[in-house]
C-alpha atoms as a PDB file:
ATOM      1  CA  UNK A   1      81.909 138.441 110.782  1.00  0.00           C
ATOM      2  CA  UNK A   2      83.196 136.074 108.116  1.00  0.00           C
ATOM      3  CA  UNK A   3      81.166 133.036 107.225  1.00  0.00           C
ATOM      4  CA  UNK A   4      82.668 129.553 107.439  1.00  0.00           C
ATOM      5  CA  UNK A   5      80.600 128.419 104.429  1.00  0.00           C
ATOM      6  CA  UNK A   6      82.395 128.114 101.115  1.00  0.00           C
ATOM      7  CA  UNK A   7      81.093 130.256  98.296  1.00  0.00           C
ATOM      8  CA  UNK A   8      79.627 127.883  95.723  1.00  0.00           C
ATOM      9  CA  UNK A   9      77.756 130.218  93.430  1.00  0.00           C
ATOM     10  CA  UNK A  10      74.564 132.232  93.442  1.00  0.00           C
ATOM     11  CA  UNK A  11      72.743 131.388  96.697  1.00  0.00           C
ATOM     12  CA  UNK A  12      70.069 134.031  96.304  1.00  0.00           C
ATOM     13  CA  UNK A  13      68.100 131.794  93.907  1.00  0.00           C
ATOM     14  CA  UNK A  14      67.552 134.799  91.686  1.00  0.00           C
ATOM     15  CA  UNK A  15      67.624 134.203  87.957  1.00  0.00           C
ATOM     16  CA  UNK A  16      70.888 135.063  86.215  1.00  0.00           C
ATOM     17  CA  UNK A  17      71.192 138.614  84.998  1.00  0.00           C
ATOM     18  CA  UNK A  18      70.232 139.498  81.462  1.00  0.00           C
ATOM     19  CA  UNK A  19      73.883 140.336  80.740  1.00  0.00           C
ATOM     20  CA  UNK A  20      74.993 136.915  81.991  1.00  0.00           C
ATOM     21  CA  UNK A  21      72.335 135.094  79.980  1.00  0.00           C
ATOM     22  CA  UNK A  22      73.185 137.065  76.841  1.00  0.00           C
ATOM     23  CA  UNK A  23      76.918 136.545  77.243  1.00  0.00           C
ATOM     24  CA  UNK A  24      76.451 132.837  77.879  1.00  0.00           C
ATOM     25  CA  UNK A  25      74.251 132.456  74.776  1.00  0.00           C
ATOM     26  CA  UNK A  26      76.789 134.255  72.574  1.00  0.00           C
ATOM     27  CA  UNK A  27      79.734 132.223  73.889  1.00  0.00           C
ATOM     28  CA  UNK A  28      77.795 128.963  73.525  1.00  0.00           C
ATOM     29  CA  UNK A  29      76.790 129.747  69.942  1.00  0.00           C
ATOM     30  CA  UNK A  30      80.345 130.805  69.062  1.00  0.00           C
ATOM     31  CA  UNK A  31      81.783 127.595  70.516  1.00  0.00           C
ATOM     32  CA  UNK A  32      79.267 125.429  68.625  1.00  0.00           C
ATOM     33  CA  UNK A  33      80.177 127.187  65.374  1.00  0.00           C
ATOM     34  CA  UNK A  34      83.906 126.918  66.110  1.00  0.00           C
ATOM     35  CA  UNK A  35      83.571 123.160  66.669  1.00  0.00           C
ATOM     36  CA  UNK A  36      81.535 122.701  63.464  1.00  0.00           C
ATOM     37  CA  UNK A  37      84.097 124.595  61.391  1.00  0.00           C
ATOM     38  CA  UNK A  38      86.990 122.734  63.032  1.00  0.00           C
ATOM     39  CA  UNK A  39      85.367 119.468  61.945  1.00  0.00           C
ATOM     40  CA  UNK A  40      85.182 120.765  58.375  1.00  0.00           C
ATOM     41  CA  UNK A  41      88.896 121.620  58.112  1.00  0.00           C
ATOM     42  CA  UNK A  42      90.222 118.607  60.044  1.00  0.00           C
ATOM     43  CA  UNK A  43      90.123 116.215  57.033  1.00  0.00           C
ATOM     44  CA  UNK A  44      92.362 118.704  55.195  1.00  0.00           C
ATOM     45  CA  UNK A  45      95.073 118.289  57.837  1.00  0.00           C
ATOM     46  CA  UNK A  46      94.816 121.737  59.426  1.00  0.00           C
ATOM     47  CA  UNK A  47      93.326 123.246  62.557  1.00  0.00           C
ATOM     48  CA  UNK A  48      90.784 126.044  62.452  1.00  0.00           C
ATOM     49  CA  UNK A  49      93.436 128.575  63.514  1.00  0.00           C
ATOM     50  CA  UNK A  50      95.747 127.326  60.745  1.00  0.00           C
ATOM     51  CA  UNK A  51      92.883 127.658  58.274  1.00  0.00           C
ATOM     52  CA  UNK A  52      92.365 131.270  59.367  1.00  0.00           C
ATOM     53  CA  UNK A  53      96.061 132.003  58.807  1.00  0.00           C
ATOM     54  CA  UNK A  54      95.823 130.440  55.357  1.00  0.00           C
ATOM     55  CA  UNK A  55      92.726 132.537  54.497  1.00  0.00           C
ATOM     56  CA  UNK A  56      94.524 135.695  55.625  1.00  0.00           C
ATOM     57  CA  UNK A  57      97.507 134.843  53.426  1.00  0.00           C
ATOM     58  CA  UNK A  58      95.232 133.896  50.548  1.00  0.00           C
ATOM     59  CA  UNK A  59      93.821 137.412  50.595  1.00  0.00           C
ATOM     60  CA  UNK A  60      97.324 138.889  50.501  1.00  0.00           C
ATOM     61  CA  UNK A  61      98.220 137.183  47.226  1.00  0.00           C
ATOM     62  CA  UNK A  62     101.788 136.782  46.050  1.00  0.00           C
ATOM     63  CA  UNK A  63     102.964 139.913  47.924  1.00  0.00           C
ATOM     64  CA  UNK A  64     102.511 138.080  51.218  1.00  0.00           C
ATOM     65  CA  UNK A  65     102.232 139.601  54.657  1.00  0.00           C
ATOM     66  CA  UNK A  66     104.597 140.181  57.563  1.00  0.00           C
ATOM     67  CA  UNK A  67     104.086 137.844  60.525  1.00  0.00           C
ATOM     68  CA  UNK A  68     102.856 140.675  62.765  1.00  0.00           C
ATOM     69  CA  UNK A  69     100.179 141.664  60.251  1.00  0.00           C
ATOM     70  CA  UNK A  70      98.979 138.047  60.124  1.00  0.00           C
ATOM     71  CA  UNK A  71      98.763 138.080  63.926  1.00  0.00           C
ATOM     72  CA  UNK A  72      96.774 141.342  63.914  1.00  0.00           C
ATOM     73  CA  UNK A  73      94.240 139.947  61.427  1.00  0.00           C
ATOM     74  CA  UNK A  74      93.557 136.735  63.320  1.00  0.00           C
ATOM     75  CA  UNK A  75      90.009 136.219  64.598  1.00  0.00           C
ATOM     76  CA  UNK A  76      91.325 134.626  67.775  1.00  0.00           C
ATOM     77  CA  UNK A  77      94.346 136.581  68.934  1.00  0.00           C
ATOM     78  CA  UNK A  78      97.110 134.237  69.949  1.00  0.00           C
ATOM     79  CA  UNK A  79     100.708 134.830  70.952  1.00  0.00           C
ATOM     80  CA  UNK A  80     101.626 131.643  69.068  1.00  0.00           C
ATOM     81  CA  UNK A  81     101.253 132.865  65.479  1.00  0.00           C
ATOM     82  CA  UNK A  82     104.889 131.996  64.794  1.00  0.00           C
ATOM     83  CA  UNK A  83     104.222 128.413  65.916  1.00  0.00           C
ATOM     84  CA  UNK A  84     101.134 128.271  63.672  1.00  0.00           C
ATOM     85  CA  UNK A  85     103.271 129.432  60.757  1.00  0.00           C
ATOM     86  CA  UNK A  86     106.009 126.921  61.696  1.00  0.00           C
ATOM     87  CA  UNK A  87     103.473 124.086  61.510  1.00  0.00           C
ATOM     88  CA  UNK A  88     102.036 125.318  58.217  1.00  0.00           C
ATOM     89  CA  UNK A  89     105.522 125.673  56.782  1.00  0.00           C
ATOM     90  CA  UNK A  90     106.426 122.131  57.889  1.00  0.00           C
ATOM     91  CA  UNK A  91     103.315 120.919  56.027  1.00  0.00           C
ATOM     92  CA  UNK A  92     104.555 122.893  52.993  1.00  0.00           C
ATOM     93  CA  UNK A  93     101.422 125.056  52.968  1.00  0.00           C
ATOM     94  CA  UNK A  94     103.169 128.355  53.750  1.00  0.00           C
ATOM     95  CA  UNK A  95     106.505 129.893  52.753  1.00  0.00           C
ATOM     96  CA  UNK A  96     108.398 132.532  54.710  1.00  0.00           C
ATOM     97  CA  UNK A  97     111.134 134.701  53.254  1.00  0.00           C
ATOM     98  CA  UNK A  98     113.080 137.665  54.541  1.00  0.00           C
ATOM     99  CA  UNK A  99     112.285 140.916  52.826  1.00  0.00           C
ATOM    100  CA  UNK A 100     114.977 141.999  50.369  1.00  0.00           C
ATOM    101  CA  UNK A 101     114.542 145.634  51.427  1.00  0.00           C
ATOM    102  CA  UNK A 102     114.225 145.131  55.196  1.00  0.00           C
ATOM    103  CA  UNK A 103     116.005 142.054  56.577  1.00  0.00           C
ATOM    104  CA  UNK A 104     114.090 142.358  59.869  1.00  0.00           C
ATOM    105  CA  UNK A 105     110.837 141.685  58.018  1.00  0.00           C
ATOM    106  CA  UNK A 106     109.670 138.126  57.308  1.00  0.00           C
ATOM    107  CA  UNK A 107     107.028 137.854  54.595  1.00  0.00           C
ATOM    108  CA  UNK A 108     104.599 134.934  54.641  1.00  0.00           C
ATOM    109  CA  UNK A 109     102.856 133.587  51.540  1.00  0.00           C
ATOM    110  CA  UNK A 110     100.799 130.537  50.707  1.00  0.00           C
ATOM    111  CA  UNK A 111     102.592 127.836  48.770  1.00  0.00           C
ATOM    112  CA  UNK A 112     100.942 126.359  45.676  1.00  0.00           C
ATOM    113  CA  UNK A 113      99.722 123.451  47.828  1.00  0.00           C
ATOM    114  CA  UNK A 114      98.439 125.930  50.436  1.00  0.00           C
ATOM    115  CA  UNK A 115      96.419 127.719  47.740  1.00  0.00           C
ATOM    116  CA  UNK A 116      94.968 124.411  46.532  1.00  0.00           C
ATOM    117  CA  UNK A 117      94.089 123.412  50.086  1.00  0.00           C
ATOM    118  CA  UNK A 118      92.310 126.726  50.813  1.00  0.00           C
ATOM    119  CA  UNK A 119      90.358 126.453  47.562  1.00  0.00           C
ATOM    120  CA  UNK A 120      89.397 122.869  48.413  1.00  0.00           C
ATOM    121  CA  UNK A 121      88.111 123.896  51.867  1.00  0.00           C
ATOM    122  CA  UNK A 122      86.167 126.988  50.775  1.00  0.00           C
ATOM    123  CA  UNK A 123      82.983 125.272  49.567  1.00  0.00           C
ATOM    124  CA  UNK A 124      82.724 123.094  52.677  1.00  0.00           C
ATOM    125  CA  UNK A 125      83.345 126.081  54.970  1.00  0.00           C
ATOM    126  CA  UNK A 126      80.767 128.218  53.136  1.00  0.00           C
ATOM    127  CA  UNK A 127      78.195 125.401  53.352  1.00  0.00           C
ATOM    128  CA  UNK A 128      78.769 125.026  57.091  1.00  0.00           C
ATOM    129  CA  UNK A 129      78.547 128.778  57.633  1.00  0.00           C
ATOM    130  CA  UNK A 130      75.288 128.885  55.662  1.00  0.00           C
ATOM    131  CA  UNK A 131      73.899 125.994  57.714  1.00  0.00           C
ATOM    132  CA  UNK A 132      74.899 127.721  60.945  1.00  0.00           C
ATOM    133  CA  UNK A 133      72.873 130.848  60.152  1.00  0.00           C
ATOM    134  CA  UNK A 134      70.233 129.111  58.036  1.00  0.00           C
ATOM    135  CA  UNK A 135      67.559 129.719  60.656  1.00  0.00           C
ATOM    136  CA  UNK A 136      67.938 133.478  60.297  1.00  0.00           C
ATOM    137  CA  UNK A 137      66.318 135.614  57.629  1.00  0.00           C
ATOM    138  CA  UNK A 138      68.553 138.021  55.739  1.00  0.00           C
ATOM    139  CA  UNK A 139      67.325 140.962  57.837  1.00  0.00           C
ATOM    140  CA  UNK A 140      67.805 138.985  61.080  1.00  0.00           C
ATOM    141  CA  UNK A 141      71.364 138.173  60.003  1.00  0.00           C
ATOM    142  CA  UNK A 142      72.053 141.841  59.319  1.00  0.00           C
ATOM    143  CA  UNK A 143      70.520 142.782  62.670  1.00  0.00           C
ATOM    144  CA  UNK A 144      72.681 140.197  64.438  1.00  0.00           C
ATOM    145  CA  UNK A 145      75.796 141.636  62.773  1.00  0.00           C
ATOM    146  CA  UNK A 146      74.828 145.134  63.967  1.00  0.00           C
ATOM    147  CA  UNK A 147      74.105 143.928  67.501  1.00  0.00           C
ATOM    148  CA  UNK A 148      77.363 141.995  67.765  1.00  0.00           C
ATOM    149  CA  UNK A 149      79.228 145.001  66.390  1.00  0.00           C
ATOM    150  CA  UNK A 150      77.663 147.209  69.042  1.00  0.00           C
ATOM    151  CA  UNK A 151      78.966 144.876  71.749  1.00  0.00           C
ATOM    152  CA  UNK A 152      82.544 145.656  70.809  1.00  0.00           C
ATOM    153  CA  UNK A 153      82.071 149.397  70.860  1.00  0.00           C
ATOM    154  CA  UNK A 154      83.307 151.457  73.764  1.00  0.00           C
ATOM    155  CA  UNK A 155      80.234 153.634  73.913  1.00  0.00           C
END
C-alpha cells in the first residue's frame, strides 16, 4: 500500500554511507578550490573555464590546436567550447584560422595578448594552488593523487 507521506530524505536516522560522505567531501573541496581559482583569474577579465582554454592553447604553442582537441582536454567537459573560444576571440586573447591543408579544420592559438595574460596569471594561480594543498605533506599529496586516480578507474 502506498504511503501518503512525501519522501523528504533519509527517515531511518542512520548516518550517511561512507560513499556518500566521501563523495560529498570531494565535491565540496573541489568546489572550494574552483571558487578560489575563479577569484584569482577574475581580475584578468576571464572566467576559470576561459583560463583553462588559454592554458591548453599555451601548451600547444604556435602550432595551435583544433577546437575538438581543446574540448577533449578541458577539465570540465562542456558542449560550449565554441562559445568560450568566441568570447576569448572577442577579447583578442585567442585567434582561430582555418587549416590551409584541411579547410574543415579550425586551428586555435593564443594571441600575443593571450600569452601575456596567461603568463601574468600563472604566479597567482600557482600560489593559490599551493595554498589549497598546503596542509598536505608531499607524500600525502601523492597519496591523494593516487586515490583520486583510482576513483576514475573502471576496476
